[in-house]
Amino acid sequence: MGADPSKRADLLQGTLELLILRTLTTGEKHGYEIAEWIHVASAEALSVEEGALYPALHRLELRGLLTAAWDVSANNRRAKYYRLTANGRKRLKDTTESWRRTSAAINRVLEGT
């Protein structure tokens, strides 16, 4: 997902979980599809590396926020597909509300109002 490094945004700690959960609201996906969806949805500003993505998916699965099952991908390869659980949807709602409050507060500070 080679975006121009000068245009790429750094992910703040804790936002990867939010982005993964949001991505899976569109349906089940395997890891590469998740990373690609985030990349495209962010207008190529965000790039999720495998070294961060797969551990995050594993953590979310262990916490019961995602379920996963092995299947065959469109290019005929074995892939693990992830989907949101009810707890994952609740976590997404709570985290989104928190993110919006925090980002609004940061914007107020940056704008000096």
PDB file of N, CA and C in Angstrom:
ATOM      1  N   MET A   1       0.820  -1.165   0.000  1.00  0.00           N
ATOM      2  CA  MET A   1       0.000   0.000   0.000  1.00  0.00           C
ATOM      3  C   MET A   1       0.867   1.232   0.000  1.00  0.00           C
ATOM      4  N   GLY A   2       1.588   1.423  -1.055  1.00  0.00           N
ATOM      5  CA  GLY A   2       2.623   2.429  -1.107  1.00  0.00           C
ATOM      6  C   GLY A   2       2.138   3.827  -1.393  1.00  0.00           C
ATOM      7  N   ALA A   3       1.690   4.500  -0.399  1.00  0.00           N
ATOM      8  CA  ALA A   3       1.315   5.911  -0.555  1.00  0.00           C
ATOM      9  C   ALA A   3       2.568   6.759  -0.413  1.00  0.00           C
ATOM     10  N   ASP A   4       2.504   7.963  -0.922  1.00  0.00           N
ATOM     11  CA  ASP A   4       3.591   8.919  -0.770  1.00  0.00           C
ATOM     12  C   ASP A   4       3.801   9.168   0.718  1.00  0.00           C
ATOM     13  N   PRO A   5       5.020   8.872   1.247  1.00  0.00           N
ATOM     14  CA  PRO A   5       5.257   9.028   2.685  1.00  0.00           C
ATOM     15  C   PRO A   5       4.986  10.435   3.196  1.00  0.00           C
ATOM     16  N   SER A   6       5.141  11.450   2.360  1.00  0.00           N
ATOM     17  CA  SER A   6       4.901  12.815   2.815  1.00  0.00           C
ATOM     18  C   SER A   6       3.418  13.103   3.005  1.00  0.00           C
ATOM     19  N   LYS A   7       2.545  12.276   2.423  1.00  0.00           N
ATOM     20  CA  LYS A   7       1.105  12.469   2.536  1.00  0.00           C
ATOM     21  C   LYS A   7       0.464  11.478   3.487  1.00  0.00           C
ATOM     22  N   ARG A   8       1.244  10.563   4.031  1.00  0.00           N
ATOM     23  CA  ARG A   8       0.709   9.536   4.905  1.00  0.00           C
ATOM     24  C   ARG A   8       0.548  10.088   6.315  1.00  0.00           C
ATOM     25  N   ALA A   9      -0.546   9.733   6.968  1.00  0.00           N
ATOM     26  CA  ALA A   9      -0.798  10.165   8.342  1.00  0.00           C
ATOM     27  C   ALA A   9      -0.385   9.040   9.290  1.00  0.00           C
ATOM     28  N   ASP A  10       0.179   9.398  10.411  1.00  0.00           N
ATOM     29  CA  ASP A  10       0.520   8.403  11.429  1.00  0.00           C
ATOM     30  C   ASP A  10      -0.729   8.077  12.236  1.00  0.00           C
ATOM     31  N   LEU A  11      -0.895   6.793  12.527  1.00  0.00           N
ATOM     32  CA  LEU A  11      -2.018   6.376  13.371  1.00  0.00           C
ATOM     33  C   LEU A  11      -1.682   6.641  14.826  1.00  0.00           C
ATOM     34  N   LEU A  12      -2.578   7.289  15.526  1.00  0.00           N
ATOM     35  CA  LEU A  12      -2.408   7.473  16.949  1.00  0.00           C
ATOM     36  C   LEU A  12      -2.646   6.147  17.650  1.00  0.00           C
ATOM     37  N   GLN A  13      -1.961   5.938  18.737  1.00  0.00           N
ATOM     38  CA  GLN A  13      -2.125   4.709  19.486  1.00  0.00           C
ATOM     39  C   GLN A  13      -3.600   4.509  19.852  1.00  0.00           C
ATOM     40  N   GLY A  14      -4.095   3.315  19.620  1.00  0.00           N
ATOM     41  CA  GLY A  14      -5.477   3.003  19.946  1.00  0.00           C
ATOM     42  C   GLY A  14      -6.456   3.199  18.805  1.00  0.00           C
ATOM     43  N   THR A  15      -6.051   3.871  17.734  1.00  0.00           N
ATOM     44  CA  THR A  15      -6.986   4.108  16.647  1.00  0.00           C
ATOM     45  C   THR A  15      -7.094   2.919  15.698  1.00  0.00           C
ATOM     46  N   LEU A  16      -6.096   2.063  15.658  1.00  0.00           N
ATOM     47  CA  LEU A  16      -6.150   0.923  14.754  1.00  0.00           C
ATOM     48  C   LEU A  16      -7.344   0.027  15.081  1.00  0.00           C
ATOM     49  N   GLU A  17      -7.596  -0.199  16.364  1.00  0.00           N
ATOM     50  CA  GLU A  17      -8.758  -0.988  16.775  1.00  0.00           C
ATOM     51  C   GLU A  17     -10.039  -0.370  16.230  1.00  0.00           C
ATOM     52  N   LEU A  18     -10.194   0.914  16.396  1.00  0.00           N
ATOM     53  CA  LEU A  18     -11.370   1.621  15.910  1.00  0.00           C
ATOM     54  C   LEU A  18     -11.524   1.463  14.402  1.00  0.00           C
ATOM     55  N   LEU A  19     -10.442   1.611  13.670  1.00  0.00           N
ATOM     56  CA  LEU A  19     -10.491   1.505  12.214  1.00  0.00           C
ATOM     57  C   LEU A  19     -10.845   0.093  11.760  1.00  0.00           C
ATOM     58  N   ILE A  20     -10.301  -0.907  12.426  1.00  0.00           N
ATOM     59  CA  ILE A  20     -10.621  -2.291  12.087  1.00  0.00           C
ATOM     60  C   ILE A  20     -12.094  -2.563  12.345  1.00  0.00           C
ATOM     61  N   LEU A  21     -12.581  -2.169  13.512  1.00  0.00           N
ATOM     62  CA  LEU A  21     -13.988  -2.400  13.835  1.00  0.00           C
ATOM     63  C   LEU A  21     -14.892  -1.697  12.832  1.00  0.00           C
ATOM     64  N   ARG A  22     -14.570  -0.462  12.489  1.00  0.00           N
ATOM     65  CA  ARG A  22     -15.376   0.288  11.508  1.00  0.00           C
ATOM     66  C   ARG A  22     -15.359  -0.413  10.155  1.00  0.00           C
ATOM     67  N   THR A  23     -14.207  -0.871   9.731  1.00  0.00           N
ATOM     68  CA  THR A  23     -14.079  -1.548   8.449  1.00  0.00           C
ATOM     69  C   THR A  23     -14.994  -2.765   8.370  1.00  0.00           C
ATOM     70  N   LEU A  24     -15.087  -3.505   9.448  1.00  0.00           N
ATOM     71  CA  LEU A  24     -15.866  -4.744   9.433  1.00  0.00           C
ATOM     72  C   LEU A  24     -17.371  -4.506   9.516  1.00  0.00           C
ATOM     73  N   THR A  25     -17.808  -3.258   9.686  1.00  0.00           N
ATOM     74  CA  THR A  25     -19.247  -2.991   9.616  1.00  0.00           C
ATOM     75  C   THR A  25     -19.755  -3.177   8.189  1.00  0.00           C
ATOM     76  N   THR A  26     -18.858  -3.176   7.219  1.00  0.00           N
ATOM     77  CA  THR A  26     -19.242  -3.350   5.822  1.00  0.00           C
ATOM     78  C   THR A  26     -19.312  -4.824   5.435  1.00  0.00           C
ATOM     79  N   GLY A  27     -19.008  -5.715   6.370  1.00  0.00           N
ATOM     80  CA  GLY A  27     -19.051  -7.152   6.098  1.00  0.00           C
ATOM     81  C   GLY A  27     -17.732  -7.817   6.425  1.00  0.00           C
ATOM     82  N   GLU A  28     -17.743  -9.144   6.416  1.00  0.00           N
ATOM     83  CA  GLU A  28     -16.525  -9.869   6.779  1.00  0.00           C
ATOM     84  C   GLU A  28     -15.438  -9.655   5.734  1.00  0.00           C
ATOM     85  N   LYS A  29     -14.196  -9.633   6.212  1.00  0.00           N
ATOM     86  CA  LYS A  29     -13.042  -9.405   5.345  1.00  0.00           C
ATOM     87  C   LYS A  29     -11.842 -10.160   5.904  1.00  0.00           C
ATOM     88  N   HIS A  30     -10.901 -10.470   5.030  1.00  0.00           N
ATOM     89  CA  HIS A  30      -9.628 -11.012   5.506  1.00  0.00           C
ATOM     90  C   HIS A  30      -8.654  -9.849   5.688  1.00  0.00           C
ATOM     91  N   GLY A  31      -7.505 -10.142   6.270  1.00  0.00           N
ATOM     92  CA  GLY A  31      -6.566  -9.089   6.668  1.00  0.00           C
ATOM     93  C   GLY A  31      -6.199  -8.110   5.572  1.00  0.00           C
ATOM     94  N   TYR A  32      -5.835  -8.625   4.402  1.00  0.00           N
ATOM     95  CA  TYR A  32      -5.436  -7.720   3.322  1.00  0.00           C
ATOM     96  C   TYR A  32      -6.593  -6.810   2.928  1.00  0.00           C
ATOM     97  N   GLU A  33      -7.812  -7.358   2.881  1.00  0.00           N
ATOM     98  CA  GLU A  33      -8.980  -6.542   2.537  1.00  0.00           C
ATOM     99  C   GLU A  33      -9.215  -5.445   3.564  1.00  0.00           C
ATOM    100  N   ILE A  34      -8.978  -5.749   4.831  1.00  0.00           N
ATOM    101  CA  ILE A  34      -9.131  -4.751   5.894  1.00  0.00           C
ATOM    102  C   ILE A  34      -8.136  -3.615   5.683  1.00  0.00           C
ATOM    103  N   ALA A  35      -6.867  -3.977   5.471  1.00  0.00           N
ATOM    104  CA  ALA A  35      -5.831  -2.957   5.268  1.00  0.00           C
ATOM    105  C   ALA A  35      -6.125  -2.123   4.032  1.00  0.00           C
ATOM    106  N   GLU A  36      -6.563  -2.760   2.961  1.00  0.00           N
ATOM    107  CA  GLU A  36      -6.855  -2.047   1.721  1.00  0.00           C
ATOM    108  C   GLU A  36      -8.065  -1.131   1.886  1.00  0.00           C
ATOM    109  N   TRP A  37      -9.103  -1.590   2.592  1.00  0.00           N
ATOM    110  CA  TRP A  37     -10.293  -0.766   2.806  1.00  0.00           C
ATOM    111  C   TRP A  37      -9.925   0.503   3.574  1.00  0.00           C
ATOM    112  N   ILE A  38      -9.121   0.376   4.617  1.00  0.00           N
ATOM    113  CA  ILE A  38      -8.683   1.539   5.403  1.00  0.00           C
ATOM    114  C   ILE A  38      -7.889   2.489   4.522  1.00  0.00           C
ATOM    115  N   HIS A  39      -7.005   1.938   3.714  1.00  0.00           N
ATOM    116  CA  HIS A  39      -6.167   2.745   2.824  1.00  0.00           C
ATOM    117  C   HIS A  39      -7.031   3.547   1.841  1.00  0.00           C
ATOM    118  N   VAL A  40      -7.980   2.885   1.203  1.00  0.00           N
ATOM    119  CA  VAL A  40      -8.843   3.546   0.219  1.00  0.00           C
ATOM    120  C   VAL A  40      -9.798   4.527   0.902  1.00  0.00           C
ATOM    121  N   ALA A  41     -10.427   4.110   2.011  1.00  0.00           N
ATOM    122  CA  ALA A  41     -11.388   4.969   2.704  1.00  0.00           C
ATOM    123  C   ALA A  41     -10.738   6.237   3.253  1.00  0.00           C
ATOM    124  N   SER A  42      -9.437   6.177   3.536  1.00  0.00           N
ATOM    125  CA  SER A  42      -8.723   7.348   4.061  1.00  0.00           C
ATOM    126  C   SER A  42      -8.108   8.193   2.950  1.00  0.00           C
ATOM    127  N   ALA A  43      -8.523   7.954   1.711  1.00  0.00           N
ATOM    128  CA  ALA A  43      -7.957   8.655   0.551  1.00  0.00           C
ATOM    129  C   ALA A  43      -6.448   8.445   0.496  1.00  0.00           C
ATOM    130  N   GLU A  44      -6.045   7.222   0.814  1.00  0.00           N
ATOM    131  CA  GLU A  44      -4.655   6.771   0.771  1.00  0.00           C
ATOM    132  C   GLU A  44      -3.750   7.473   1.784  1.00  0.00           C
ATOM    133  N   ALA A  45      -4.340   8.094   2.806  1.00  0.00           N
ATOM    134  CA  ALA A  45      -3.548   8.771   3.828  1.00  0.00           C
ATOM    135  C   ALA A  45      -3.066   7.805   4.901  1.00  0.00           C
ATOM    136  N   LEU A  46      -3.820   6.712   5.120  1.00  0.00           N
ATOM    137  CA  LEU A  46      -3.465   5.748   6.155  1.00  0.00           C
ATOM    138  C   LEU A  46      -3.029   4.437   5.522  1.00  0.00           C
ATOM    139  N   SER A  47      -1.952   3.913   6.043  1.00  0.00           N
ATOM    140  CA  SER A  47      -1.439   2.639   5.564  1.00  0.00           C
ATOM    141  C   SER A  47      -1.184   1.754   6.777  1.00  0.00           C
ATOM    142  N   VAL A  48      -1.864   0.619   6.825  1.00  0.00           N
ATOM    143  CA  VAL A  48      -1.719  -0.297   7.959  1.00  0.00           C
ATOM    144  C   VAL A  48      -0.765  -1.410   7.560  1.00  0.00           C
ATOM    145  N   GLU A  49       0.315  -1.514   8.279  1.00  0.00           N
ATOM    146  CA  GLU A  49       1.323  -2.540   7.993  1.00  0.00           C
ATOM    147  C   GLU A  49       0.912  -3.873   8.607  1.00  0.00           C
ATOM    148  N   GLU A  50       1.310  -4.964   7.960  1.00  0.00           N
ATOM    149  CA  GLU A  50       0.994  -6.305   8.451  1.00  0.00           C
ATOM    150  C   GLU A  50       1.443  -6.516   9.886  1.00  0.00           C
ATOM    151  N   GLY A  51       2.606  -5.969  10.229  1.00  0.00           N
ATOM    152  CA  GLY A  51       3.163  -6.148  11.566  1.00  0.00           C
ATOM    153  C   GLY A  51       2.318  -5.526  12.665  1.00  0.00           C
ATOM    154  N   ALA A  52       1.451  -4.596  12.313  1.00  0.00           N
ATOM    155  CA  ALA A  52       0.520  -3.996  13.276  1.00  0.00           C
ATOM    156  C   ALA A  52      -0.869  -4.614  13.134  1.00  0.00           C
ATOM    157  N   LEU A  53      -1.278  -4.894  11.901  1.00  0.00           N
ATOM    158  CA  LEU A  53      -2.633  -5.366  11.638  1.00  0.00           C
ATOM    159  C   LEU A  53      -2.923  -6.732  12.255  1.00  0.00           C
ATOM    160  N   TYR A  54      -2.083  -7.713  11.965  1.00  0.00           N
ATOM    161  CA  TYR A  54      -2.404  -9.071  12.406  1.00  0.00           C
ATOM    162  C   TYR A  54      -2.365  -9.247  13.922  1.00  0.00           C
ATOM    163  N   PRO A  55      -1.418  -8.644  14.627  1.00  0.00           N
ATOM    164  CA  PRO A  55      -1.510  -8.703  16.097  1.00  0.00           C
ATOM    165  C   PRO A  55      -2.767  -8.026  16.634  1.00  0.00           C
ATOM    166  N   ALA A  56      -3.181  -6.918  16.008  1.00  0.00           N
ATOM    167  CA  ALA A  56      -4.400  -6.228  16.445  1.00  0.00           C
ATOM    168  C   ALA A  56      -5.624  -7.107  16.198  1.00  0.00           C
ATOM    169  N   LEU A  57      -5.691  -7.752  15.049  1.00  0.00           N
ATOM    170  CA  LEU A  57      -6.803  -8.662  14.768  1.00  0.00           C
ATOM    171  C   LEU A  57      -6.849  -9.790  15.786  1.00  0.00           C
ATOM    172  N   HIS A  58      -5.693 -10.331  16.113  1.00  0.00           N
ATOM    173  CA  HIS A  58      -5.618 -11.421  17.095  1.00  0.00           C
ATOM    174  C   HIS A  58      -6.108 -10.941  18.464  1.00  0.00           C
ATOM    175  N   ARG A  59      -5.677  -9.753  18.880  1.00  0.00           N
ATOM    176  CA  ARG A  59      -6.123  -9.197  20.169  1.00  0.00           C
ATOM    177  C   ARG A  59      -7.636  -8.998  20.190  1.00  0.00           C
ATOM    178  N   LEU A  60      -8.185  -8.450  19.112  1.00  0.00           N
ATOM    179  CA  LEU A  60      -9.624  -8.213  19.038  1.00  0.00           C
ATOM    180  C   LEU A  60     -10.400  -9.525  19.075  1.00  0.00           C
ATOM    181  N   GLU A  61      -9.854 -10.533  18.436  1.00  0.00           N
ATOM    182  CA  GLU A  61     -10.495 -11.852  18.452  1.00  0.00           C
ATOM    183  C   GLU A  61     -10.457 -12.445  19.863  1.00  0.00           C
ATOM    184  N   LEU A  62      -9.308 -12.355  20.528  1.00  0.00           N
ATOM    185  CA  LEU A  62      -9.183 -12.876  21.896  1.00  0.00           C
ATOM    186  C   LEU A  62     -10.120 -12.159  22.865  1.00  0.00           C
ATOM    187  N   ARG A  63     -10.381 -10.885  22.627  1.00  0.00           N
ATOM    188  CA  ARG A  63     -11.263 -10.101  23.492  1.00  0.00           C
ATOM    189  C   ARG A  63     -12.735 -10.291  23.146  1.00  0.00           C
ATOM    190  N   GLY A  64     -13.025 -11.111  22.153  1.00  0.00           N
ATOM    191  CA  GLY A  64     -14.403 -11.392  21.785  1.00  0.00           C
ATOM    192  C   GLY A  64     -15.076 -10.311  20.971  1.00  0.00           C
ATOM    193  N   LEU A  65     -14.293  -9.413  20.377  1.00  0.00           N
ATOM    194  CA  LEU A  65     -14.864  -8.339  19.572  1.00  0.00           C
ATOM    195  C   LEU A  65     -15.002  -8.748  18.108  1.00  0.00           C
ATOM    196  N   LEU A  66     -14.266  -9.779  17.718  1.00  0.00           N
ATOM    197  CA  LEU A  66     -14.325 -10.335  16.375  1.00  0.00           C
ATOM    198  C   LEU A  66     -14.427 -11.847  16.460  1.00  0.00           C
ATOM    199  N   THR A  67     -15.006 -12.450  15.441  1.00  0.00           N
ATOM    200  CA  THR A  67     -14.902 -13.895  15.245  1.00  0.00           C
ATOM    201  C   THR A  67     -14.168 -14.080  13.927  1.00  0.00           C
ATOM    202  N   ALA A  68     -13.585 -15.244  13.752  1.00  0.00           N
ATOM    203  CA  ALA A  68     -12.825 -15.504  12.537  1.00  0.00           C
ATOM    204  C   ALA A  68     -13.029 -16.946  12.100  1.00  0.00           C
ATOM    205  N   ALA A  69     -12.969 -17.135  10.792  1.00  0.00           N
ATOM    206  CA  ALA A  69     -13.070 -18.475  10.221  1.00  0.00           C
ATOM    207  C   ALA A  69     -12.204 -18.532   8.968  1.00  0.00           C
ATOM    208  N   TRP A  70     -11.596 -19.680   8.747  1.00  0.00           N
ATOM    209  CA  TRP A  70     -10.774 -19.878   7.554  1.00  0.00           C
ATOM    210  C   TRP A  70     -11.668 -20.189   6.369  1.00  0.00           C
ATOM    211  N   ASP A  71     -11.311 -19.626   5.212  1.00  0.00           N
ATOM    212  CA  ASP A  71     -12.030 -19.868   3.966  1.00  0.00           C
ATOM    213  C   ASP A  71     -11.046 -19.639   2.820  1.00  0.00           C
ATOM    214  N   VAL A  72     -11.541 -19.711   1.602  1.00  0.00           N
ATOM    215  CA  VAL A  72     -10.705 -19.489   0.424  1.00  0.00           C
ATOM    216  C   VAL A  72     -11.024 -18.108  -0.134  1.00  0.00           C
ATOM    217  N   SER A  73      -9.991 -17.316  -0.409  1.00  0.00           N
ATOM    218  CA  SER A  73     -10.172 -15.956  -0.911  1.00  0.00           C
ATOM    219  C   SER A  73     -10.488 -15.970  -2.406  1.00  0.00           C
ATOM    220  N   ALA A  74     -10.756 -14.792  -2.942  1.00  0.00           N
ATOM    221  CA  ALA A  74     -11.090 -14.645  -4.361  1.00  0.00           C
ATOM    222  C   ALA A  74      -9.950 -15.118  -5.266  1.00  0.00           C
ATOM    223  N   ASN A  75      -8.714 -15.009  -4.791  1.00  0.00           N
ATOM    224  CA  ASN A  75      -7.577 -15.468  -5.601  1.00  0.00           C
ATOM    225  C   ASN A  75      -7.177 -16.909  -5.256  1.00  0.00           C
ATOM    226  N   ASN A  76      -8.128 -17.644  -4.673  1.00  0.00           N
ATOM    227  CA  ASN A  76      -7.994 -19.073  -4.402  1.00  0.00           C
ATOM    228  C   ASN A  76      -6.907 -19.399  -3.370  1.00  0.00           C
ATOM    229  N   ARG A  77      -6.735 -18.521  -2.400  1.00  0.00           N
ATOM    230  CA  ARG A  77      -5.791 -18.767  -1.310  1.00  0.00           C
ATOM    231  C   ARG A  77      -6.557 -18.895  -0.004  1.00  0.00           C
ATOM    232  N   ARG A  78      -5.999 -19.665   0.897  1.00  0.00           N
ATOM    233  CA  ARG A  78      -6.601 -19.819   2.213  1.00  0.00           C
ATOM    234  C   ARG A  78      -6.425 -18.510   2.985  1.00  0.00           C
ATOM    235  N   ALA A  79      -7.504 -18.014   3.564  1.00  0.00           N
ATOM    236  CA  ALA A  79      -7.448 -16.737   4.288  1.00  0.00           C
ATOM    237  C   ALA A  79      -8.385 -16.808   5.482  1.00  0.00           C
ATOM    238  N   LYS A  80      -8.012 -16.080   6.518  1.00  0.00           N
ATOM    239  CA  LYS A  80      -8.836 -15.995   7.716  1.00  0.00           C
ATOM    240  C   LYS A  80      -9.735 -14.773   7.583  1.00  0.00           C
ATOM    241  N   TYR A  81     -11.046 -15.007   7.615  1.00  0.00           N
ATOM    242  CA  TYR A  81     -12.027 -13.936   7.477  1.00  0.00           C
ATOM    243  C   TYR A  81     -12.544 -13.535   8.854  1.00  0.00           C
ATOM    244  N   TYR A  82     -12.601 -12.224   9.076  1.00  0.00           N
ATOM    245  CA  TYR A  82     -13.014 -11.667  10.357  1.00  0.00           C
ATOM    246  C   TYR A  82     -14.373 -11.010  10.223  1.00  0.00           C
ATOM    247  N   ARG A  83     -15.155 -11.094  11.299  1.00  0.00           N
ATOM    248  CA  ARG A  83     -16.441 -10.385  11.340  1.00  0.00           C
ATOM    249  C   ARG A  83     -16.677  -9.879  12.758  1.00  0.00           C
ATOM    250  N   LEU A  84     -17.467  -8.819  12.863  1.00  0.00           N
ATOM    251  CA  LEU A  84     -17.797  -8.215  14.154  1.00  0.00           C
ATOM    252  C   LEU A  84     -18.729  -9.116  14.959  1.00  0.00           C
ATOM    253  N   THR A  85     -18.545  -9.110  16.261  1.00  0.00           N
ATOM    254  CA  THR A  85     -19.501  -9.732  17.176  1.00  0.00           C
ATOM    255  C   THR A  85     -20.390  -8.618  17.733  1.00  0.00           C
ATOM    256  N   ALA A  86     -21.401  -8.995  18.493  1.00  0.00           N
ATOM    257  CA  ALA A  86     -22.249  -7.991  19.150  1.00  0.00           C
ATOM    258  C   ALA A  86     -21.395  -7.122  20.072  1.00  0.00           C
ATOM    259  N   ASN A  87     -20.457  -7.736  20.786  1.00  0.00           N
ATOM    260  CA  ASN A  87     -19.561  -6.960  21.655  1.00  0.00           C
ATOM    261  C   ASN A  87     -18.683  -6.024  20.838  1.00  0.00           C
ATOM    262  N   GLY A  88     -18.278  -6.455  19.647  1.00  0.00           N
ATOM    263  CA  GLY A  88     -17.481  -5.601  18.769  1.00  0.00           C
ATOM    264  C   GLY A  88     -18.259  -4.392  18.302  1.00  0.00           C
ATOM    265  N   ARG A  89     -19.538  -4.591  17.998  1.00  0.00           N
ATOM    266  CA  ARG A  89     -20.386  -3.465  17.574  1.00  0.00           C
ATOM    267  C   ARG A  89     -20.573  -2.463  18.716  1.00  0.00           C
ATOM    268  N   LYS A  90     -20.744  -2.974  19.920  1.00  0.00           N
ATOM    269  CA  LYS A  90     -20.881  -2.095  21.087  1.00  0.00           C
ATOM    270  C   LYS A  90     -19.589  -1.318  21.328  1.00  0.00           C
ATOM    271  N   ARG A  91     -18.470  -2.023  21.235  1.00  0.00           N
ATOM    272  CA  ARG A  91     -17.166  -1.378  21.430  1.00  0.00           C
ATOM    273  C   ARG A  91     -16.951  -0.294  20.373  1.00  0.00           C
ATOM    274  N   LEU A  92     -17.334  -0.580  19.132  1.00  0.00           N
ATOM    275  CA  LEU A  92     -17.206   0.408  18.061  1.00  0.00           C
ATOM    276  C   LEU A  92     -18.025   1.650  18.379  1.00  0.00           C
ATOM    277  N   LYS A  93     -19.253   1.465  18.819  1.00  0.00           N
ATOM    278  CA  LYS A  93     -20.117   2.600  19.165  1.00  0.00           C
ATOM    279  C   LYS A  93     -19.489   3.433  20.280  1.00  0.00           C
ATOM    280  N   ASP A  94     -19.051   2.769  21.346  1.00  0.00           N
ATOM    281  CA  ASP A  94     -18.456   3.474  22.486  1.00  0.00           C
ATOM    282  C   ASP A  94     -17.164   4.190  22.091  1.00  0.00           C
ATOM    283  N   THR A  95     -16.318   3.509  21.340  1.00  0.00           N
ATOM    284  CA  THR A  95     -15.029   4.080  20.942  1.00  0.00           C
ATOM    285  C   THR A  95     -15.214   5.235  19.972  1.00  0.00           C
ATOM    286  N   THR A  96     -16.195   5.114  19.079  1.00  0.00           N
ATOM    287  CA  THR A  96     -16.470   6.198  18.125  1.00  0.00           C
ATOM    288  C   THR A  96     -16.923   7.454  18.863  1.00  0.00           C
ATOM    289  N   GLU A  97     -17.797   7.290  19.832  1.00  0.00           N
ATOM    290  CA  GLU A  97     -18.258   8.447  20.619  1.00  0.00           C
ATOM    291  C   GLU A  97     -17.093   9.095  21.355  1.00  0.00           C
ATOM    292  N   SER A  98     -16.243   8.281  21.946  1.00  0.00           N
ATOM    293  CA  SER A  98     -15.077   8.794  22.662  1.00  0.00           C
ATOM    294  C   SER A  98     -14.134   9.521  21.701  1.00  0.00           C
ATOM    295  N   TRP A  99     -13.885   8.920  20.541  1.00  0.00           N
ATOM    296  CA  TRP A  99     -13.006   9.526  19.535  1.00  0.00           C
ATOM    297  C   TRP A  99     -13.538  10.885  19.109  1.00  0.00           C
ATOM    298  N   ARG A 100     -14.836  10.972  18.863  1.00  0.00           N
ATOM    299  CA  ARG A 100     -15.425  12.241  18.415  1.00  0.00           C
ATOM    300  C   ARG A 100     -15.291  13.323  19.479  1.00  0.00           C
ATOM    301  N   ARG A 101     -15.502  12.960  20.738  1.00  0.00           N
ATOM    302  CA  ARG A 101     -15.337  13.942  21.836  1.00  0.00           C
ATOM    303  C   ARG A 101     -13.882  14.402  21.915  1.00  0.00           C
ATOM    304  N   THR A 102     -12.962  13.451  21.851  1.00  0.00           N
ATOM    305  CA  THR A 102     -11.539  13.781  21.965  1.00  0.00           C
ATOM    306  C   THR A 102     -11.075  14.618  20.786  1.00  0.00           C
ATOM    307  N   SER A 103     -11.450  14.222  19.566  1.00  0.00           N
ATOM    308  CA  SER A 103     -10.991  14.973  18.398  1.00  0.00           C
ATOM    309  C   SER A 103     -11.594  16.387  18.375  1.00  0.00           C
ATOM    310  N   ALA A 104     -12.833  16.533  18.845  1.00  0.00           N
ATOM    311  CA  ALA A 104     -13.432  17.870  18.926  1.00  0.00           C
ATOM    312  C   ALA A 104     -12.664  18.736  19.921  1.00  0.00           C
ATOM    313  N   ALA A 105     -12.277  18.149  21.042  1.00  0.00           N
ATOM    314  CA  ALA A 105     -11.515  18.898  22.046  1.00  0.00           C
ATOM    315  C   ALA A 105     -10.143  19.300  21.496  1.00  0.00           C
ATOM    316  N   ILE A 106      -9.492  18.411  20.802  1.00  0.00           N
ATOM    317  CA  ILE A 106      -8.181  18.717  20.211  1.00  0.00           C
ATOM    318  C   ILE A 106      -8.334  19.814  19.159  1.00  0.00           C
ATOM    319  N   ASN A 107      -9.368  19.724  18.343  1.00  0.00           N
ATOM    320  CA  ASN A 107      -9.607  20.770  17.343  1.00  0.00           C
ATOM    321  C   ASN A 107      -9.828  22.121  17.987  1.00  0.00           C
ATOM    322  N   ARG A 108     -10.554  22.159  19.112  1.00  0.00           N
ATOM    323  CA  ARG A 108     -10.757  23.439  19.822  1.00  0.00           C
ATOM    324  C   ARG A 108      -9.423  24.012  20.296  1.00  0.00           C
ATOM    325  N   VAL A 109      -8.552  23.151  20.798  1.00  0.00           N
ATOM    326  CA  VAL A 109      -7.237  23.614  21.244  1.00  0.00           C
ATOM    327  C   VAL A 109      -6.426  24.135  20.057  1.00  0.00           C
ATOM    328  N   LEU A 110      -6.420  23.388  18.955  1.00  0.00           N
ATOM    329  CA  LEU A 110      -5.653  23.808  17.785  1.00  0.00           C
ATOM    330  C   LEU A 110      -6.161  25.111  17.190  1.00  0.00           C
ATOM    331  N   GLU A 111      -7.478  25.313  17.247  1.00  0.00           N
ATOM    332  CA  GLU A 111      -8.060  26.524  16.693  1.00  0.00           C
ATOM    333  C   GLU A 111      -8.044  27.676  17.690  1.00  0.00           C
ATOM    334  N   GLY A 112      -7.667  27.400  18.924  1.00  0.00           N
ATOM    335  CA  GLY A 112      -7.572  28.453  19.926  1.00  0.00           C
ATOM    336  C   GLY A 112      -8.909  28.986  20.405  1.00  0.00           C
ATOM    337  N   THR A 113      -9.948  28.145  20.333  1.00  0.00           N
ATOM    338  CA  THR A 113     -11.266  28.608  20.785  1.00  0.00           C
ATOM    339  C   THR A 113     -11.707  27.867  22.016  1.00  0.00           C
TER     340      THR A 113
END
